[in-house]
Structures are given as C-alpha cells and as structure tokens.
Amino acid sequence: MGIVIGLTGSIATGKSTVSAMISKLSIPVIDADQIARDVVIPGKTAYRSIIETFGEHVLNRDETINRKKLGKLIFSNEEKRRQLNKIIHPEIRKEMLQQRDALIKAGEECVVLDIPLLFESKLMHFVDKIIVVYVDEKTQLDRLMKRDETDYEEAKSRIQAQIPVSKKAEMADAIIDNSQSQQSSYEQLVAILKKWDILSH
C-alpha cells in the first residue's frame, strides 16, 4: 500500500519550488491548483454551473472562463464566493481522489497531493502524512510584495486570509524551512523522504 503525502504551505512560502523538487525525484504530484483550472474548462460540469450561476459575462471571447473577472466578482462578496466554492470544490476533490487512487492502484509507493489550502479546506483525511513548507512571516511578506508587486497592506491582508503558516507547522508531520537556499530545502526534503522510507538511504 502506497503512502500519500499532503504538501502544503501558505502564500509565498515556496511550496511550488518544493513541489517541483518532488517531481524531479520521480514521485507523482497531484496539483490541486491545476485540477482547479481543469474542472472549469468548457464542457465540464463545473463550467456549466458557473455560467448558470454567474452569467455569461464571466466568459472570455473564446468562451473559456475569465478567472480575473470571476475573481473580482467573488472577492468582495462572501455569498458569491460560497456559491463558487460549492460548485468547484466537490469537482476538485473528486478528481484528486480519482488520480490518487489510480496511482496507488498502479503500484506507486508514494503519491503527493499538492494542496495549498489543505488545512483551510479540512482535507487532512485525504493523506497519510503532511509536509508544511515554512518561512517566518517577515520573509513571507517580503517575498509576496516582491513577487506580486503589491504594497504592504495588500500583502498582509492576503496572508491573513489563510491560517498562519506557524500554526500549520504545528499540525504537520514534517516541516521544510524554506528561508535558506534551495539546496537547503532540497536536503531537508530528501531527509524527510528517507526517514519515511520513501527514498532509499
């Protein structure tokens, strides 16, 4: 029976960097963000529900969903955000579990679920072990402001919209401190995978 690892972090902690490292080690990664994009392509159930709920003005010319328009619509409206989550979350979860189970059935010894909001969405039961990619809040703020060219206030409010990464670290089975070099993060990752007998010593 394969082991399922949940990989999570918070905005601008560098989870995607660690996710890419895991893929390079030939461990399959199921990316929740990618699935979130896939479930809303034309023809999918969630796509039709979004148009029925929010109208055709959220579409691009090519009839794909305009994520920016939809994002603006739900960002300041709690009720609309709830409606959207009700449409897409079940579809994302269904697809993630199908992919996970297919890989385990195919004999994979380890599968990683890359879920940014693992704790916020209470999906801990989807996985056997949890790795949190961690940086302190000052580093997180600096990286977010630099990455998205946002000001301090906006960066702060986006960080505060999630469970603090320090709190997530307390709930993790293992932590990767991503405040040093990429090499340091890679070495921490390898050490964790060896400890869990996923990589040979």
C-alpha atoms as a PDB file:
ATOM      1  CA  MET A   1       0.000   0.000   0.000  1.00  0.00           C
ATOM      2  CA  GLY A   2       1.461   3.361  -1.062  1.00  0.00           C
ATOM      3  CA  ILE A   3       1.898   6.345   1.211  1.00  0.00           C
ATOM      4  CA  VAL A   4       0.029   9.566   0.409  1.00  0.00           C
ATOM      5  CA  ILE A   5       1.728  12.818   1.422  1.00  0.00           C
ATOM      6  CA  GLY A   6      -0.043  16.154   1.620  1.00  0.00           C
ATOM      7  CA  LEU A   7       2.205  19.072   0.658  1.00  0.00           C
ATOM      8  CA  THR A   8       1.057  22.485   1.809  1.00  0.00           C
ATOM      9  CA  GLY A   9       2.282  25.874   2.985  1.00  0.00           C
ATOM     10  CA  SER A  10       0.948  29.390   2.743  1.00  0.00           C
ATOM     11  CA  ILE A  11       1.095  32.088   0.106  1.00  0.00           C
ATOM     12  CA  ALA A  12       4.717  32.918  -0.876  1.00  0.00           C
ATOM     13  CA  THR A  13       6.360  30.255   1.330  1.00  0.00           C
ATOM     14  CA  GLY A  14       7.772  28.440  -1.711  1.00  0.00           C
ATOM     15  CA  LYS A  15       5.578  25.353  -1.836  1.00  0.00           C
ATOM     16  CA  SER A  16       5.704  25.237  -5.658  1.00  0.00           C
ATOM     17  CA  THR A  17       9.510  25.092  -5.514  1.00  0.00           C
ATOM     18  CA  VAL A  18       9.370  22.059  -3.215  1.00  0.00           C
ATOM     19  CA  SER A  19       6.634  20.502  -5.369  1.00  0.00           C
ATOM     20  CA  ALA A  20       8.930  20.752  -8.414  1.00  0.00           C
ATOM     21  CA  MET A  21      11.741  19.079  -6.419  1.00  0.00           C
ATOM     22  CA  ILE A  22       9.433  16.163  -5.573  1.00  0.00           C
ATOM     23  CA  SER A  23       8.536  15.713  -9.257  1.00  0.00           C
ATOM     24  CA  LYS A  24      12.255  15.624 -10.128  1.00  0.00           C
ATOM     25  CA  LEU A  25      12.636  12.724  -7.679  1.00  0.00           C
ATOM     26  CA  SER A  26      10.132  10.825  -9.900  1.00  0.00           C
ATOM     27  CA  ILE A  27       7.393  10.922  -7.261  1.00  0.00           C
ATOM     28  CA  PRO A  28       3.990  11.716  -8.802  1.00  0.00           C
ATOM     29  CA  VAL A  29       2.479  15.037  -7.688  1.00  0.00           C
ATOM     30  CA  ILE A  30      -1.237  15.776  -7.975  1.00  0.00           C
ATOM     31  CA  ASP A  31      -1.584  19.555  -8.163  1.00  0.00           C
ATOM     32  CA  ALA A  32      -4.864  20.908  -6.728  1.00  0.00           C
ATOM     33  CA  ASP A  33      -4.375  24.289  -8.462  1.00  0.00           C
ATOM     34  CA  GLN A  34      -4.002  22.595 -11.851  1.00  0.00           C
ATOM     35  CA  ILE A  35      -7.103  20.488 -11.199  1.00  0.00           C
ATOM     36  CA  ALA A  36      -8.986  23.675 -10.217  1.00  0.00           C
ATOM     37  CA  ARG A  37      -8.166  25.017 -13.699  1.00  0.00           C
ATOM     38  CA  ASP A  38      -9.067  21.731 -15.413  1.00  0.00           C
ATOM     39  CA  VAL A  39     -12.510  21.334 -13.828  1.00  0.00           C
ATOM     40  CA  VAL A  40     -13.742  24.655 -15.242  1.00  0.00           C
ATOM     41  CA  ILE A  41     -12.826  24.081 -18.897  1.00  0.00           C
ATOM     42  CA  PRO A  42     -15.730  24.247 -21.380  1.00  0.00           C
ATOM     43  CA  GLY A  43     -17.898  21.151 -21.320  1.00  0.00           C
ATOM     44  CA  LYS A  44     -17.169  20.226 -17.701  1.00  0.00           C
ATOM     45  CA  THR A  45     -19.971  20.117 -15.104  1.00  0.00           C
ATOM     46  CA  ALA A  46     -18.480  22.964 -13.052  1.00  0.00           C
ATOM     47  CA  TYR A  47     -18.148  25.141 -16.180  1.00  0.00           C
ATOM     48  CA  ARG A  48     -21.866  24.856 -16.930  1.00  0.00           C
ATOM     49  CA  SER A  49     -22.808  25.526 -13.303  1.00  0.00           C
ATOM     50  CA  ILE A  50     -20.614  28.663 -13.190  1.00  0.00           C
ATOM     51  CA  ILE A  51     -22.340  30.116 -16.261  1.00  0.00           C
ATOM     52  CA  GLU A  52     -25.788  29.262 -14.871  1.00  0.00           C
ATOM     53  CA  THR A  53     -24.904  30.909 -11.547  1.00  0.00           C
ATOM     54  CA  PHE A  54     -22.852  33.946 -12.579  1.00  0.00           C
ATOM     55  CA  GLY A  55     -23.929  34.594 -16.181  1.00  0.00           C
ATOM     56  CA  GLU A  56     -22.049  34.718 -19.475  1.00  0.00           C
ATOM     57  CA  HIS A  57     -20.267  37.993 -18.693  1.00  0.00           C
ATOM     58  CA  VAL A  58     -17.599  35.973 -16.820  1.00  0.00           C
ATOM     59  CA  LEU A  59     -16.501  34.397 -20.111  1.00  0.00           C
ATOM     60  CA  ASN A  60     -13.678  35.344 -22.457  1.00  0.00           C
ATOM     61  CA  ARG A  61     -14.310  35.718 -26.189  1.00  0.00           C
ATOM     62  CA  ASP A  62     -13.285  32.105 -26.738  1.00  0.00           C
ATOM     63  CA  GLU A  63     -15.912  31.045 -24.163  1.00  0.00           C
ATOM     64  CA  THR A  64     -13.362  29.994 -21.542  1.00  0.00           C
ATOM     65  CA  ILE A  65     -13.884  31.373 -18.060  1.00  0.00           C
ATOM     66  CA  ASN A  66     -12.209  34.691 -17.334  1.00  0.00           C
ATOM     67  CA  ARG A  67     -10.624  33.919 -13.966  1.00  0.00           C
ATOM     68  CA  LYS A  68      -9.857  37.587 -13.283  1.00  0.00           C
ATOM     69  CA  LYS A  69     -13.475  38.682 -13.813  1.00  0.00           C
ATOM     70  CA  LEU A  70     -14.776  35.821 -11.727  1.00  0.00           C
ATOM     71  CA  GLY A  71     -12.179  36.542  -9.040  1.00  0.00           C
ATOM     72  CA  LYS A  72     -13.233  40.204  -8.854  1.00  0.00           C
ATOM     73  CA  LEU A  73     -16.866  39.181  -8.594  1.00  0.00           C
ATOM     74  CA  ILE A  74     -16.352  36.849  -5.652  1.00  0.00           C
ATOM     75  CA  PHE A  75     -13.522  38.657  -3.865  1.00  0.00           C
ATOM     76  CA  SER A  76     -15.728  41.274  -2.232  1.00  0.00           C
ATOM     77  CA  ASN A  77     -18.866  39.130  -1.993  1.00  0.00           C
ATOM     78  CA  GLU A  78     -18.950  36.382   0.619  1.00  0.00           C
ATOM     79  CA  GLU A  79     -22.200  34.881  -0.695  1.00  0.00           C
ATOM     80  CA  LYS A  80     -20.898  34.631  -4.275  1.00  0.00           C
ATOM     81  CA  ARG A  81     -17.628  33.158  -3.056  1.00  0.00           C
ATOM     82  CA  ARG A  82     -19.581  30.481  -1.200  1.00  0.00           C
ATOM     83  CA  GLN A  83     -21.606  29.739  -4.341  1.00  0.00           C
ATOM     84  CA  LEU A  84     -18.454  29.318  -6.423  1.00  0.00           C
ATOM     85  CA  ASN A  85     -16.778  27.097  -3.819  1.00  0.00           C
ATOM     86  CA  LYS A  86     -19.900  24.927  -3.681  1.00  0.00           C
ATOM     87  CA  ILE A  87     -19.609  24.398  -7.440  1.00  0.00           C
ATOM     88  CA  ILE A  88     -15.891  23.746  -7.826  1.00  0.00           C
ATOM     89  CA  HIS A  89     -14.700  22.195  -4.558  1.00  0.00           C
ATOM     90  CA  PRO A  90     -16.594  18.876  -4.913  1.00  0.00           C
ATOM     91  CA  GLU A  91     -15.310  18.544  -8.506  1.00  0.00           C
ATOM     92  CA  ILE A  92     -11.699  19.240  -7.463  1.00  0.00           C
ATOM     93  CA  ARG A  93     -11.906  16.716  -4.617  1.00  0.00           C
ATOM     94  CA  LYS A  94     -13.458  14.046  -6.815  1.00  0.00           C
ATOM     95  CA  GLU A  95     -10.728  14.453  -9.459  1.00  0.00           C
ATOM     96  CA  MET A  96      -7.931  14.497  -6.862  1.00  0.00           C
ATOM     97  CA  LEU A  97      -9.149  11.269  -5.266  1.00  0.00           C
ATOM     98  CA  GLN A  98      -9.562   9.562  -8.649  1.00  0.00           C
ATOM     99  CA  GLN A  99      -5.996  10.449  -9.621  1.00  0.00           C
ATOM    100  CA  ARG A 100      -4.647   9.457  -6.181  1.00  0.00           C
ATOM    101  CA  ASP A 101      -6.396   6.077  -6.168  1.00  0.00           C
ATOM    102  CA  ALA A 102      -5.399   5.302  -9.766  1.00  0.00           C
ATOM    103  CA  LEU A 103      -1.706   5.940  -8.980  1.00  0.00           C
ATOM    104  CA  ILE A 104      -1.790   3.822  -5.803  1.00  0.00           C
ATOM    105  CA  LYS A 105      -3.587   1.050  -7.700  1.00  0.00           C
ATOM    106  CA  ALA A 106      -0.893   1.224 -10.392  1.00  0.00           C
ATOM    107  CA  GLY A 107       1.668   0.410  -7.696  1.00  0.00           C
ATOM    108  CA  GLU A 108       3.158   3.820  -6.872  1.00  0.00           C
ATOM    109  CA  GLU A 109       4.885   3.662  -3.491  1.00  0.00           C
ATOM    110  CA  CYS A 110       4.319   7.344  -2.826  1.00  0.00           C
ATOM    111  CA  VAL A 111       1.893   9.962  -4.170  1.00  0.00           C
ATOM    112  CA  VAL A 112       1.977  13.647  -3.206  1.00  0.00           C
ATOM    113  CA  LEU A 113      -1.139  15.820  -3.092  1.00  0.00           C
ATOM    114  CA  ASP A 114      -0.087  19.449  -3.512  1.00  0.00           C
ATOM    115  CA  ILE A 115      -2.965  21.283  -1.783  1.00  0.00           C
ATOM    116  CA  PRO A 116      -2.379  24.964  -0.882  1.00  0.00           C
ATOM    117  CA  LEU A 117      -5.430  25.130   1.414  1.00  0.00           C
ATOM    118  CA  LEU A 118      -5.126  21.640   2.905  1.00  0.00           C
ATOM    119  CA  PHE A 119      -5.923  22.782   6.456  1.00  0.00           C
ATOM    120  CA  GLU A 120      -8.385  25.532   5.479  1.00  0.00           C
ATOM    121  CA  SER A 121     -10.399  23.009   3.425  1.00  0.00           C
ATOM    122  CA  LYS A 122     -10.042  20.334   6.141  1.00  0.00           C
ATOM    123  CA  LEU A 123      -8.689  17.715   3.715  1.00  0.00           C
ATOM    124  CA  MET A 124      -6.211  16.144   6.141  1.00  0.00           C
ATOM    125  CA  HIS A 125      -8.039  12.792   5.850  1.00  0.00           C
ATOM    126  CA  PHE A 126      -7.038  12.611   2.153  1.00  0.00           C
ATOM    127  CA  VAL A 127      -3.405  11.971   3.148  1.00  0.00           C
ATOM    128  CA  ASP A 128      -1.264   9.840   5.497  1.00  0.00           C
ATOM    129  CA  LYS A 129       1.444  12.421   6.242  1.00  0.00           C
ATOM    130  CA  ILE A 130       1.689  16.199   5.912  1.00  0.00           C
ATOM    131  CA  ILE A 131       4.709  18.321   4.961  1.00  0.00           C
ATOM    132  CA  VAL A 132       4.445  22.073   5.536  1.00  0.00           C
ATOM    133  CA  VAL A 133       6.747  24.439   3.622  1.00  0.00           C
ATOM    134  CA  TYR A 134       7.545  27.155   6.149  1.00  0.00           C
ATOM    135  CA  VAL A 135       9.099  30.615   6.279  1.00  0.00           C
ATOM    136  CA  ASP A 136       8.747  33.234   9.021  1.00  0.00           C
ATOM    137  CA  GLU A 137       6.123  35.950   8.488  1.00  0.00           C
ATOM    138  CA  LYS A 138       8.598  38.717   7.645  1.00  0.00           C
ATOM    139  CA  THR A 139      10.177  36.609   4.868  1.00  0.00           C
ATOM    140  CA  GLN A 140       6.696  35.665   3.652  1.00  0.00           C
ATOM    141  CA  LEU A 141       5.621  39.329   3.498  1.00  0.00           C
ATOM    142  CA  ASP A 142       8.825  40.421   1.719  1.00  0.00           C
ATOM    143  CA  ARG A 143       8.561  37.620  -0.849  1.00  0.00           C
ATOM    144  CA  LEU A 144       4.887  38.270  -1.553  1.00  0.00           C
ATOM    145  CA  MET A 145       5.377  42.024  -2.000  1.00  0.00           C
ATOM    146  CA  LYS A 146       8.300  41.384  -4.344  1.00  0.00           C
ATOM    147  CA  ARG A 147       6.644  38.534  -6.285  1.00  0.00           C
ATOM    148  CA  ASP A 148       3.259  40.192  -6.890  1.00  0.00           C
ATOM    149  CA  GLU A 149       4.473  43.802  -6.695  1.00  0.00           C
ATOM    150  CA  THR A 150       1.888  44.556  -4.012  1.00  0.00           C
ATOM    151  CA  ASP A 151       2.096  47.013  -1.161  1.00  0.00           C
ATOM    152  CA  TYR A 152       2.461  46.074   2.486  1.00  0.00           C
ATOM    153  CA  GLU A 153      -1.251  46.360   3.363  1.00  0.00           C
ATOM    154  CA  GLU A 154      -2.462  44.186   0.490  1.00  0.00           C
ATOM    155  CA  ALA A 155       0.219  41.557   1.093  1.00  0.00           C
ATOM    156  CA  LYS A 156      -0.629  41.497   4.798  1.00  0.00           C
ATOM    157  CA  SER A 157      -4.375  41.035   4.168  1.00  0.00           C
ATOM    158  CA  ARG A 158      -3.726  38.194   1.708  1.00  0.00           C
ATOM    159  CA  ILE A 159      -1.540  36.412   4.254  1.00  0.00           C
ATOM    160  CA  GLN A 160      -4.139  36.935   6.981  1.00  0.00           C
ATOM    161  CA  ALA A 161      -6.849  35.365   4.792  1.00  0.00           C
ATOM    162  CA  GLN A 162      -5.159  31.994   5.437  1.00  0.00           C
ATOM    163  CA  ILE A 163      -4.324  30.065   8.603  1.00  0.00           C
ATOM    164  CA  PRO A 164      -0.900  31.379   9.802  1.00  0.00           C
ATOM    165  CA  VAL A 165       1.925  29.213   8.472  1.00  0.00           C
ATOM    166  CA  SER A 166       3.322  28.882  12.017  1.00  0.00           C
ATOM    167  CA  LYS A 167       0.017  27.256  13.058  1.00  0.00           C
ATOM    168  CA  LYS A 168       0.171  24.916  10.040  1.00  0.00           C
ATOM    169  CA  ALA A 169       3.721  23.946  11.011  1.00  0.00           C
ATOM    170  CA  GLU A 170       2.422  22.834  14.420  1.00  0.00           C
ATOM    171  CA  MET A 171      -0.048  20.463  12.700  1.00  0.00           C
ATOM    172  CA  ALA A 172       2.486  18.980  10.267  1.00  0.00           C
ATOM    173  CA  ASP A 173       4.296  15.633  10.394  1.00  0.00           C
ATOM    174  CA  ALA A 174       7.364  17.334   8.913  1.00  0.00           C
ATOM    175  CA  ILE A 175       8.469  20.889   8.123  1.00  0.00           C
ATOM    176  CA  ILE A 176      10.721  22.228   5.387  1.00  0.00           C
ATOM    177  CA  ASP A 177      12.207  25.578   6.401  1.00  0.00           C
ATOM    178  CA  ASN A 178      12.394  27.321   3.047  1.00  0.00           C
ATOM    179  CA  SER A 179      14.005  30.539   4.278  1.00  0.00           C
ATOM    180  CA  GLN A 180      17.542  29.496   3.317  1.00  0.00           C
ATOM    181  CA  SER A 181      18.842  28.276  -0.061  1.00  0.00           C
ATOM    182  CA  GLN A 182      17.026  25.925  -2.437  1.00  0.00           C
ATOM    183  CA  GLN A 183      19.788  23.413  -1.764  1.00  0.00           C
ATOM    184  CA  SER A 184      18.973  23.527   1.942  1.00  0.00           C
ATOM    185  CA  SER A 185      15.258  22.917   1.227  1.00  0.00           C
ATOM    186  CA  TYR A 186      16.153  20.035  -1.083  1.00  0.00           C
ATOM    187  CA  GLU A 187      18.340  18.414   1.573  1.00  0.00           C
ATOM    188  CA  GLN A 188      15.540  18.733   4.149  1.00  0.00           C
ATOM    189  CA  LEU A 189      13.089  17.144   1.690  1.00  0.00           C
ATOM    190  CA  VAL A 190      15.393  14.199   0.961  1.00  0.00           C
ATOM    191  CA  ALA A 191      15.990  13.651   4.703  1.00  0.00           C
ATOM    192  CA  ILE A 192      12.217  13.507   5.339  1.00  0.00           C
ATOM    193  CA  LEU A 193      11.625  11.080   2.456  1.00  0.00           C
ATOM    194  CA  LYS A 194      14.458   8.825   3.679  1.00  0.00           C
ATOM    195  CA  LYS A 195      13.099   8.888   7.225  1.00  0.00           C
ATOM    196  CA  TRP A 196       9.694   7.783   5.890  1.00  0.00           C
ATOM    197  CA  ASP A 197      11.360   5.037   3.786  1.00  0.00           C
ATOM    198  CA  ILE A 198      10.231   6.595   0.515  1.00  0.00           C
ATOM    199  CA  LEU A 199      13.770   7.134  -0.719  1.00  0.00           C
ATOM    200  CA  SER A 200      16.411   4.502  -0.045  1.00  0.00           C
ATOM    201  CA  HIS A 201      19.127   5.502   2.432  1.00  0.00           C
END
